[in-house]
C-alpha atoms as a PDB file:
ATOM      1  CA  MET A   1      -7.083 -33.338 -43.312  1.00  0.00           C
ATOM      2  CA  ASN A   2      -6.845 -36.799 -41.796  1.00  0.00           C
ATOM      3  CA  GLU A   3      -4.601 -37.661 -38.871  1.00  0.00           C
ATOM      4  CA  SER A   4      -1.705 -38.998 -40.953  1.00  0.00           C
ATOM      5  CA  GLU A   5      -1.680 -35.821 -43.058  1.00  0.00           C
ATOM      6  CA  ILE A   6      -1.644 -33.670 -39.917  1.00  0.00           C
ATOM      7  CA  LYS A   7       1.207 -35.720 -38.449  1.00  0.00           C
ATOM      8  CA  ALA A   8       3.176 -35.254 -41.660  1.00  0.00           C
ATOM      9  CA  LEU A   9       2.577 -31.518 -41.440  1.00  0.00           C
ATOM     10  CA  VAL A  10       3.714 -31.440 -37.796  1.00  0.00           C
ATOM     11  CA  THR A  11       7.036 -33.105 -38.696  1.00  0.00           C
ATOM     12  CA  LEU A  12       7.810 -30.117 -40.943  1.00  0.00           C
ATOM     13  CA  LEU A  13       8.014 -27.826 -37.924  1.00  0.00           C
ATOM     14  CA  ASP A  14      11.743 -28.573 -37.637  1.00  0.00           C
ATOM     15  CA  ASP A  15      12.429 -27.703 -41.269  1.00  0.00           C
ATOM     16  CA  GLU A  16      15.481 -25.491 -41.763  1.00  0.00           C
ATOM     17  CA  ASP A  17      13.582 -23.150 -44.073  1.00  0.00           C
ATOM     18  CA  ASN A  18      11.799 -20.495 -41.972  1.00  0.00           C
ATOM     19  CA  GLU A  19       9.253 -19.863 -44.711  1.00  0.00           C
ATOM     20  CA  VAL A  20       8.248 -23.519 -44.625  1.00  0.00           C
ATOM     21  CA  VAL A  21       7.945 -23.403 -40.829  1.00  0.00           C
ATOM     22  CA  GLN A  22       5.810 -20.251 -40.930  1.00  0.00           C
ATOM     23  CA  HIS A  23       3.539 -21.785 -43.556  1.00  0.00           C
ATOM     24  CA  VAL A  24       3.178 -24.983 -41.500  1.00  0.00           C
ATOM     25  CA  GLU A  25       2.405 -23.044 -38.310  1.00  0.00           C
ATOM     26  CA  SER A  26      -0.214 -20.977 -40.141  1.00  0.00           C
ATOM     27  CA  ARG A  27      -1.799 -24.127 -41.575  1.00  0.00           C
ATOM     28  CA  LEU A  28      -1.859 -25.852 -38.185  1.00  0.00           C
ATOM     29  CA  ARG A  29      -3.511 -22.832 -36.553  1.00  0.00           C
ATOM     30  CA  THR A  30      -6.391 -23.102 -39.001  1.00  0.00           C
ATOM     31  CA  LEU A  31      -6.997 -26.681 -37.828  1.00  0.00           C
ATOM     32  CA  GLY A  32      -7.760 -25.483 -34.300  1.00  0.00           C
ATOM     33  CA  GLU A  33      -7.823 -27.477 -31.064  1.00  0.00           C
ATOM     34  CA  ALA A  34      -7.954 -30.879 -32.794  1.00  0.00           C
ATOM     35  CA  VAL A  35      -4.269 -30.651 -33.621  1.00  0.00           C
ATOM     36  CA  ILE A  36      -3.121 -30.040 -30.016  1.00  0.00           C
ATOM     37  CA  PRO A  37      -2.802 -33.735 -28.978  1.00  0.00           C
ATOM     38  CA  LEU A  38      -0.669 -34.454 -32.054  1.00  0.00           C
ATOM     39  CA  LEU A  39       1.556 -31.473 -31.273  1.00  0.00           C
ATOM     40  CA  GLU A  40       1.940 -32.674 -27.678  1.00  0.00           C
ATOM     41  CA  ASP A  41       2.944 -36.142 -28.893  1.00  0.00           C
ATOM     42  CA  HIS A  42       5.514 -34.624 -31.244  1.00  0.00           C
ATOM     43  CA  TRP A  43       6.827 -32.410 -28.432  1.00  0.00           C
ATOM     44  CA  GLN A  44       7.377 -35.430 -26.168  1.00  0.00           C
ATOM     45  CA  GLY A  45       9.218 -37.280 -28.927  1.00  0.00           C
ATOM     46  CA  ASN A  46      11.687 -34.457 -29.582  1.00  0.00           C
ATOM     47  CA  GLY A  47      13.143 -33.846 -26.140  1.00  0.00           C
ATOM     48  CA  LEU A  48      16.651 -33.288 -27.511  1.00  0.00           C
ATOM     49  CA  ASN A  49      15.658 -30.417 -29.795  1.00  0.00           C
ATOM     50  CA  PRO A  50      15.009 -27.333 -27.602  1.00  0.00           C
ATOM     51  CA  VAL A  51      14.311 -25.054 -30.590  1.00  0.00           C
ATOM     52  CA  LEU A  52      11.619 -27.368 -31.922  1.00  0.00           C
ATOM     53  CA  GLN A  53      10.166 -27.877 -28.442  1.00  0.00           C
ATOM     54  CA  LYS A  54       9.861 -24.118 -27.935  1.00  0.00           C
ATOM     55  CA  ARG A  55       8.248 -23.777 -31.368  1.00  0.00           C
ATOM     56  CA  ILE A  56       5.677 -26.451 -30.525  1.00  0.00           C
ATOM     57  CA  GLU A  57       5.025 -24.992 -27.045  1.00  0.00           C
ATOM     58  CA  ASP A  58       4.327 -21.562 -28.533  1.00  0.00           C
ATOM     59  CA  LEU A  59       2.020 -23.045 -31.151  1.00  0.00           C
ATOM     60  CA  ILE A  60       0.086 -25.067 -28.554  1.00  0.00           C
ATOM     61  CA  HIS A  61      -0.285 -21.998 -26.350  1.00  0.00           C
ATOM     62  CA  ASN A  62      -1.517 -19.952 -29.301  1.00  0.00           C
ATOM     63  CA  LEU A  63      -4.117 -22.596 -30.171  1.00  0.00           C
ATOM     64  CA  GLN A  64      -5.280 -22.822 -26.544  1.00  0.00           C
ATOM     65  CA  PHE A  65      -5.441 -19.020 -26.292  1.00  0.00           C
ATOM     66  CA  ASN A  66      -7.634 -18.842 -29.400  1.00  0.00           C
ATOM     67  CA  LEU A  67      -9.814 -21.593 -27.932  1.00  0.00           C
ATOM     68  CA  VAL A  68     -10.392 -19.505 -24.787  1.00  0.00           C
ATOM     69  CA  ILE A  69     -11.454 -16.556 -26.936  1.00  0.00           C
ATOM     70  CA  SER A  70     -13.825 -18.631 -29.079  1.00  0.00           C
ATOM     71  CA  ARG A  71     -15.389 -20.321 -26.042  1.00  0.00           C
ATOM     72  CA  LEU A  72     -15.938 -17.045 -24.182  1.00  0.00           C
ATOM     73  CA  THR A  73     -17.338 -15.416 -27.310  1.00  0.00           C
ATOM     74  CA  GLU A  74     -19.777 -18.293 -27.733  1.00  0.00           C
ATOM     75  CA  TRP A  75     -20.691 -18.076 -24.036  1.00  0.00           C
ATOM     76  CA  LYS A  76     -21.444 -14.380 -24.408  1.00  0.00           C
ATOM     77  CA  ASN A  77     -23.462 -14.880 -27.595  1.00  0.00           C
ATOM     78  CA  LYS A  78     -25.575 -17.554 -25.874  1.00  0.00           C
ATOM     79  CA  GLY A  79     -26.694 -14.979 -23.292  1.00  0.00           C
ATOM     80  CA  TYR A  80     -23.999 -15.521 -20.606  1.00  0.00           C
ATOM     81  CA  GLU A  81     -26.311 -17.462 -18.301  1.00  0.00           C
ATOM     82  CA  ASP A  82     -23.908 -20.125 -16.996  1.00  0.00           C
ATOM     83  CA  LEU A  83     -21.379 -18.338 -14.779  1.00  0.00           C
ATOM     84  CA  LEU A  84     -19.565 -21.560 -13.879  1.00  0.00           C
ATOM     85  CA  GLU A  85     -18.929 -22.256 -17.565  1.00  0.00           C
ATOM     86  CA  ALA A  86     -17.294 -18.850 -18.021  1.00  0.00           C
ATOM     87  CA  MET A  87     -15.108 -19.274 -14.930  1.00  0.00           C
ATOM     88  CA  TRP A  88     -14.052 -22.700 -16.219  1.00  0.00           C
ATOM     89  CA  ILE A  89     -13.130 -21.190 -19.606  1.00  0.00           C
ATOM     90  CA  ILE A  90     -11.006 -18.528 -17.886  1.00  0.00           C
ATOM     91  CA  ALA A  91      -9.254 -21.186 -15.794  1.00  0.00           C
ATOM     92  CA  THR A  92      -8.401 -23.174 -18.936  1.00  0.00           C
ATOM     93  CA  TYR A  93      -6.145 -20.294 -19.970  1.00  0.00           C
ATOM     94  CA  GLN A  94      -3.719 -21.542 -17.293  1.00  0.00           C
ATOM     95  CA  TYR A  95      -5.012 -25.111 -16.962  1.00  0.00           C
ATOM     96  CA  PRO A  96      -6.089 -26.225 -20.453  1.00  0.00           C
ATOM     97  CA  ASP A  97      -6.859 -29.812 -19.361  1.00  0.00           C
ATOM     98  CA  LEU A  98      -9.194 -28.739 -16.547  1.00  0.00           C
ATOM     99  CA  ASN A  99     -12.540 -30.542 -16.575  1.00  0.00           C
ATOM    100  CA  ILE A 100     -15.599 -28.418 -15.783  1.00  0.00           C
ATOM    101  CA  GLU A 101     -17.111 -31.355 -13.882  1.00  0.00           C
ATOM    102  CA  LYS A 102     -14.336 -31.043 -11.294  1.00  0.00           C
ATOM    103  CA  LEU A 103     -15.479 -27.458 -10.615  1.00  0.00           C
ATOM    104  CA  ARG A 104     -19.121 -28.501 -10.575  1.00  0.00           C
ATOM    105  CA  GLN A 105     -18.382 -31.177  -7.979  1.00  0.00           C
ATOM    106  CA  SER A 106     -16.694 -28.619  -5.719  1.00  0.00           C
ATOM    107  CA  ILE A 107     -19.822 -26.458  -5.866  1.00  0.00           C
ATOM    108  CA  ASN A 108     -21.992 -29.492  -5.168  1.00  0.00           C
ATOM    109  CA  ASP A 109     -19.940 -30.419  -2.089  1.00  0.00           C
ATOM    110  CA  ILE A 110     -20.693 -27.051  -0.485  1.00  0.00           C
ATOM    111  CA  TYR A 111     -24.295 -27.063  -1.702  1.00  0.00           C
ATOM    112  CA  PHE A 112     -25.156 -30.456  -0.186  1.00  0.00           C
ATOM    113  CA  ASP A 113     -23.733 -29.498   3.211  1.00  0.00           C
ATOM    114  CA  ALA A 114     -25.730 -26.251   3.161  1.00  0.00           C
ATOM    115  CA  TRP A 115     -28.873 -28.031   1.947  1.00  0.00           C
ATOM    116  CA  LEU A 116     -28.840 -30.325   4.981  1.00  0.00           C
ATOM    117  CA  GLU A 117     -29.155 -27.291   7.296  1.00  0.00           C
ATOM    118  CA  PHE A 118     -31.290 -25.144   5.012  1.00  0.00           C
ATOM    119  CA  ARG A 119     -35.040 -24.474   5.244  1.00  0.00           C
ATOM    120  CA  GLU A 120     -37.085 -22.394   2.829  1.00  0.00           C
ATOM    121  CA  ASP A 121     -39.246 -20.985   5.669  1.00  0.00           C
ATOM    122  CA  MET A 122     -36.222 -19.455   7.396  1.00  0.00           C
ATOM    123  CA  HIS A 123     -35.846 -15.690   7.457  1.00  0.00           C
ATOM    124  CA  PRO A 124     -33.413 -14.663   4.679  1.00  0.00           C
ATOM    125  CA  HIS A 125     -30.870 -13.461   7.262  1.00  0.00           C
ATOM    126  CA  ASP A 126     -30.950 -16.902   8.896  1.00  0.00           C
ATOM    127  CA  GLN A 127     -30.529 -18.568   5.501  1.00  0.00           C
ATOM    128  CA  ILE A 128     -27.397 -16.505   4.953  1.00  0.00           C
ATOM    129  CA  ARG A 129     -26.107 -17.421   8.416  1.00  0.00           C
ATOM    130  CA  VAL A 130     -26.525 -21.118   7.555  1.00  0.00           C
ATOM    131  CA  LEU A 131     -24.661 -20.664   4.286  1.00  0.00           C
ATOM    132  CA  ASN A 132     -21.950 -18.640   6.065  1.00  0.00           C
ATOM    133  CA  GLN A 133     -21.465 -21.389   8.633  1.00  0.00           C
ATOM    134  CA  VAL A 134     -20.995 -24.010   5.913  1.00  0.00           C
ATOM    135  CA  PHE A 135     -18.841 -21.818   3.673  1.00  0.00           C
ATOM    136  CA  TYR A 136     -16.490 -20.339   6.287  1.00  0.00           C
ATOM    137  CA  ASP A 137     -16.565 -22.755   9.230  1.00  0.00           C
ATOM    138  CA  LYS A 138     -17.071 -26.170   7.650  1.00  0.00           C
ATOM    139  CA  HIS A 139     -15.341 -25.666   4.279  1.00  0.00           C
ATOM    140  CA  LYS A 140     -12.833 -23.132   5.671  1.00  0.00           C
ATOM    141  CA  TYR A 141     -12.899 -20.539   2.869  1.00  0.00           C
ATOM    142  CA  LEU A 142     -10.790 -17.462   3.612  1.00  0.00           C
ATOM    143  CA  PRO A 143     -10.005 -14.115   1.980  1.00  0.00           C
ATOM    144  CA  ASN A 144      -6.569 -14.199   0.370  1.00  0.00           C
ATOM    145  CA  THR A 145      -5.329 -11.008   1.999  1.00  0.00           C
ATOM    146  CA  LYS A 146      -1.637 -11.945   1.863  1.00  0.00           C
ATOM    147  CA  ASN A 147      -1.642 -12.546  -1.898  1.00  0.00           C
ATOM    148  CA  PHE A 148      -4.503 -10.304  -2.947  1.00  0.00           C
ATOM    149  CA  HIS A 149      -3.242  -9.916  -6.531  1.00  0.00           C
ATOM    150  CA  SER A 150      -2.266 -13.554  -7.074  1.00  0.00           C
ATOM    151  CA  VAL A 151      -3.223 -15.044 -10.436  1.00  0.00           C
ATOM    152  CA  ALA A 152      -4.616 -18.032  -8.493  1.00  0.00           C
ATOM    153  CA  ASN A 153      -7.382 -15.811  -7.091  1.00  0.00           C
ATOM    154  CA  SER A 154      -8.986 -15.677 -10.540  1.00  0.00           C
ATOM    155  CA  MET A 155      -8.611 -19.392 -11.315  1.00  0.00           C
ATOM    156  CA  LEU A 156     -11.612 -21.167  -9.835  1.00  0.00           C
ATOM    157  CA  ASN A 157      -9.849 -24.534  -9.561  1.00  0.00           C
ATOM    158  CA  GLN A 158      -7.134 -22.844  -7.500  1.00  0.00           C
ATOM    159  CA  VAL A 159      -9.714 -21.123  -5.318  1.00  0.00           C
ATOM    160  CA  PHE A 160     -11.238 -24.540  -4.578  1.00  0.00           C
ATOM    161  CA  ASP A 161      -7.841 -26.149  -3.933  1.00  0.00           C
ATOM    162  CA  LEU A 162      -6.461 -23.372  -1.729  1.00  0.00           C
ATOM    163  CA  LYS A 163      -9.840 -22.380  -0.220  1.00  0.00           C
ATOM    164  CA  LYS A 164      -8.778 -18.773  -0.666  1.00  0.00           C
ATOM    165  CA  GLY A 165      -9.681 -16.037  -3.108  1.00  0.00           C
ATOM    166  CA  ASN A 166     -10.193 -12.352  -3.749  1.00  0.00           C
ATOM    167  CA  PRO A 167     -13.595 -10.668  -3.254  1.00  0.00           C
ATOM    168  CA  ILE A 168     -14.993 -11.566  -6.664  1.00  0.00           C
ATOM    169  CA  SER A 169     -13.817 -15.192  -6.815  1.00  0.00           C
ATOM    170  CA  LEU A 170     -15.175 -15.915  -3.315  1.00  0.00           C
ATOM    171  CA  CYS A 171     -18.402 -14.191  -4.360  1.00  0.00           C
ATOM    172  CA  VAL A 172     -18.615 -16.396  -7.444  1.00  0.00           C
ATOM    173  CA  VAL A 173     -18.333 -19.594  -5.395  1.00  0.00           C
ATOM    174  CA  TYR A 174     -20.833 -18.349  -2.813  1.00  0.00           C
ATOM    175  CA  LEU A 175     -23.188 -17.123  -5.542  1.00  0.00           C
ATOM    176  CA  LEU A 176     -23.144 -20.440  -7.410  1.00  0.00           C
ATOM    177  CA  VAL A 177     -23.999 -22.314  -4.207  1.00  0.00           C
ATOM    178  CA  ALA A 178     -26.744 -19.810  -3.338  1.00  0.00           C
ATOM    179  CA  LYS A 179     -28.290 -20.235  -6.783  1.00  0.00           C
ATOM    180  CA  ARG A 180     -28.347 -24.007  -6.285  1.00  0.00           C
ATOM    181  CA  LEU A 181     -30.280 -23.357  -3.075  1.00  0.00           C
ATOM    182  CA  GLY A 182     -32.755 -21.176  -4.967  1.00  0.00           C
ATOM    183  CA  LEU A 183     -31.784 -17.934  -3.234  1.00  0.00           C
ATOM    184  CA  PRO A 184     -32.330 -14.609  -5.077  1.00  0.00           C
ATOM    185  CA  ILE A 185     -28.694 -13.575  -4.737  1.00  0.00           C
ATOM    186  CA  TYR A 186     -26.752 -11.561  -7.331  1.00  0.00           C
ATOM    187  CA  GLY A 187     -23.414  -9.824  -7.774  1.00  0.00           C
ATOM    188  CA  VAL A 188     -22.951  -6.092  -7.157  1.00  0.00           C
ATOM    189  CA  ASN A 189     -20.129  -4.263  -8.931  1.00  0.00           C
ATOM    190  CA  LEU A 190     -18.859  -1.811  -6.299  1.00  0.00           C
ATOM    191  CA  PRO A 191     -15.689   0.224  -6.910  1.00  0.00           C
ATOM    192  CA  SER A 192     -12.669  -1.633  -5.435  1.00  0.00           C
ATOM    193  CA  LEU A 193     -14.937  -4.254  -3.866  1.00  0.00           C
ATOM    194  CA  PHE A 194     -17.291  -6.915  -5.153  1.00  0.00           C
ATOM    195  CA  VAL A 195     -20.235  -7.928  -2.963  1.00  0.00           C
ATOM    196  CA  LEU A 196     -23.532  -9.798  -3.248  1.00  0.00           C
ATOM    197  CA  THR A 197     -27.104  -8.700  -2.782  1.00  0.00           C
ATOM    198  CA  TYR A 198     -30.173 -10.620  -1.677  1.00  0.00           C
ATOM    199  CA  LYS A 199     -33.006  -9.007  -3.606  1.00  0.00           C
ATOM    200  CA  THR A 200     -36.746  -9.644  -3.855  1.00  0.00           C
ATOM    201  CA  PRO A 201     -39.617  -7.172  -4.415  1.00  0.00           C
ATOM    202  CA  GLN A 202     -40.104  -7.132  -0.627  1.00  0.00           C
ATOM    203  CA  MET A 203     -36.519  -7.051   0.631  1.00  0.00           C
ATOM    204  CA  GLN A 204     -32.965  -6.167  -0.291  1.00  0.00           C
ATOM    205  CA  PHE A 205     -29.766  -6.392   1.702  1.00  0.00           C
ATOM    206  CA  TYR A 206     -26.094  -6.950   0.917  1.00  0.00           C
ATOM    207  CA  ILE A 207     -23.464  -9.556   1.822  1.00  0.00           C
ATOM    208  CA  ASN A 208     -19.710  -8.956   2.077  1.00  0.00           C
ATOM    209  CA  ILE A 209     -18.220 -12.344   1.228  1.00  0.00           C
ATOM    210  CA  PHE A 210     -14.673 -11.056   1.769  1.00  0.00           C
ATOM    211  CA  ASN A 211     -15.668 -10.325   5.385  1.00  0.00           C
ATOM    212  CA  ARG A 212     -17.169 -13.683   6.407  1.00  0.00           C
ATOM    213  CA  GLY A 213     -20.575 -13.011   4.861  1.00  0.00           C
ATOM    214  CA  LEU A 214     -21.289  -9.835   6.820  1.00  0.00           C
ATOM    215  CA  ILE A 215     -24.836  -8.590   6.150  1.00  0.00           C
ATOM    216  CA  PHE A 216     -25.157  -4.844   5.565  1.00  0.00           C
ATOM    217  CA  SER A 217     -27.598  -2.296   4.163  1.00  0.00           C
ATOM    218  CA  LYS A 218     -28.029   0.231   1.376  1.00  0.00           C
ATOM    219  CA  ILE A 219     -27.078   2.974   3.835  1.00  0.00           C
ATOM    220  CA  ASP A 220     -23.735   1.232   4.397  1.00  0.00           C
ATOM    221  CA  ILE A 221     -23.089   1.222   0.656  1.00  0.00           C
ATOM    222  CA  GLY A 222     -23.887   4.941   0.557  1.00  0.00           C
ATOM    223  CA  ASN A 223     -21.340   5.557   3.313  1.00  0.00           C
ATOM    224  CA  TYR A 224     -18.772   3.468   1.457  1.00  0.00           C
ATOM    225  CA  ILE A 225     -19.299   5.506  -1.731  1.00  0.00           C
ATOM    226  CA  LYS A 226     -18.842   8.731   0.250  1.00  0.00           C
ATOM    227  CA  GLN A 227     -15.589   7.428   1.739  1.00  0.00           C
ATOM    228  CA  MET A 228     -14.385   6.651  -1.778  1.00  0.00           C
ATOM    229  CA  HIS A 229     -15.274  10.244  -2.793  1.00  0.00           C
ATOM    230  CA  LEU A 230     -17.432   9.000  -5.669  1.00  0.00           C
ATOM    231  CA  GLN A 231     -20.782  10.079  -7.023  1.00  0.00           C
ATOM    232  CA  PRO A 232     -23.548   7.541  -6.303  1.00  0.00           C
ATOM    233  CA  LYS A 233     -24.692   5.422  -9.235  1.00  0.00           C
ATOM    234  CA  ASP A 234     -27.610   3.037  -9.442  1.00  0.00           C
ATOM    235  CA  SER A 235     -25.199   0.258 -10.497  1.00  0.00           C
ATOM    236  CA  PHE A 236     -23.516   0.490  -7.085  1.00  0.00           C
ATOM    237  CA  TYR A 237     -26.713  -0.763  -5.461  1.00  0.00           C
ATOM    238  CA  GLN A 238     -28.276  -3.111  -8.014  1.00  0.00           C
ATOM    239  CA  PRO A 239     -27.447  -6.581  -9.401  1.00  0.00           C
ATOM    240  CA  CYS A 240     -24.941  -6.845 -12.220  1.00  0.00           C
ATOM    241  CA  THR A 241     -24.890  -9.438 -14.992  1.00  0.00           C
ATOM    242  CA  ASN A 242     -22.725 -12.531 -15.318  1.00  0.00           C
ATOM    243  CA  LEU A 243     -20.950 -10.758 -18.152  1.00  0.00           C
ATOM    244  CA  ASP A 244     -20.076  -7.899 -15.764  1.00  0.00           C
ATOM    245  CA  ILE A 245     -18.619 -10.445 -13.362  1.00  0.00           C
ATOM    246  CA  VAL A 246     -16.504 -12.110 -16.047  1.00  0.00           C
ATOM    247  CA  LEU A 247     -15.191  -8.789 -17.339  1.00  0.00           C
ATOM    248  CA  ARG A 248     -14.147  -7.825 -13.820  1.00  0.00           C
ATOM    249  CA  VAL A 249     -12.406 -11.177 -13.307  1.00  0.00           C
ATOM    250  CA  LEU A 250     -10.471 -10.600 -16.532  1.00  0.00           C
ATOM    251  CA  ARG A 251      -9.504  -7.062 -15.462  1.00  0.00           C
ATOM    252  CA  ASN A 252      -8.209  -8.486 -12.192  1.00  0.00           C
ATOM    253  CA  LEU A 253      -6.185 -11.031 -14.156  1.00  0.00           C
ATOM    254  CA  VAL A 254      -4.554  -8.300 -16.227  1.00  0.00           C
ATOM    255  CA  VAL A 255      -3.459  -6.584 -13.012  1.00  0.00           C
ATOM    256  CA  SER A 256      -2.276  -9.897 -11.516  1.00  0.00           C
ATOM    257  CA  PHE A 257      -0.004 -10.638 -14.469  1.00  0.00           C
ATOM    258  CA  GLU A 258       1.284  -7.055 -14.494  1.00  0.00           C
ATOM    259  CA  LYS A 259       2.165  -7.356 -10.786  1.00  0.00           C
ATOM    260  CA  ILE A 260       4.481 -10.283 -11.556  1.00  0.00           C
ATOM    261  CA  SER A 261       5.823  -8.559 -14.698  1.00  0.00           C
ATOM    262  CA  ASP A 262       4.351 -11.178 -17.020  1.00  0.00           C
ATOM    263  CA  LEU A 263       3.439  -8.550 -19.576  1.00  0.00           C
ATOM    264  CA  GLU A 264       2.904 -11.034 -22.408  1.00  0.00           C
ATOM    265  CA  ARG A 265       0.111 -12.806 -20.554  1.00  0.00           C
ATOM    266  CA  ALA A 266      -1.282  -9.472 -19.358  1.00  0.00           C
ATOM    267  CA  LYS A 267      -1.558  -8.441 -23.023  1.00  0.00           C
ATOM    268  CA  GLU A 268      -3.263 -11.705 -23.923  1.00  0.00           C
ATOM    269  CA  ILE A 269      -5.870 -11.369 -21.173  1.00  0.00           C
ATOM    270  CA  ASP A 270      -6.432  -7.756 -22.194  1.00  0.00           C
ATOM    271  CA  ALA A 271      -7.008  -8.973 -25.757  1.00  0.00           C
ATOM    272  CA  ILE A 272      -9.630 -11.448 -24.496  1.00  0.00           C
ATOM    273  CA  LEU A 273     -11.210  -8.654 -22.483  1.00  0.00           C
ATOM    274  CA  ARG A 274     -11.482  -6.403 -25.533  1.00  0.00           C
ATOM    275  CA  VAL A 275     -13.004  -9.169 -27.650  1.00  0.00           C
ATOM    276  CA  ILE A 276     -15.891  -9.856 -25.269  1.00  0.00           C
ATOM    277  CA  SER A 277     -16.390  -6.326 -23.895  1.00  0.00           C
END
């Protein structure tokens, strides 16, 4: 369909016949994201018709929701290598106009400051101390302990704006910067806590990003598992995949929406979770 045909179809959304409206909505959904700007224009031009506005808002949200699913599915099928891309896709659920380059620039800002102080011949512990100094002292990132279950903690643009996050979102930012620096750092999927590990064939230690980049050992993880009254698993000590990280972010989002009684959005995020699990 060309643009004039789509516009003509959009005007039928305020038809008095519900069957016509349902048919139009179904047809517009098949056109995908391309129809969103036309729907937004029509929404702005019908400010005195609240029923039509609500109908258009719901349709736009449905199209954007399906776009999130298709993008994440494609990301997974490509091998889930680009973690920043996935975090951007998740953020577009709440901020559909968000540009990934804005997120990339925020990562670059931290990276360049760390790079100025960074040397490859440093001991790994000293490299982490340099990164900690830039991340916590210069860029002022903090754990969001007061609003631990806030939806904003899972939206990377909000984490950058507020300079606060939960364990996994702070780990994601730190991890993306570390990767830019060439450090062998990965996520570790601990129960009730997400941490990072520095791992090479010669050395492995762990970093608690939610506690100002505290370095700790495998023994400390063992003690933590005992305190949680859980059986040790190899996955508690070893790197997880980017897909594991994204699935955990989505699970956190489900809980966040449930905490504020937004059950409709909790169901939608759970649907996304089931599609890419």
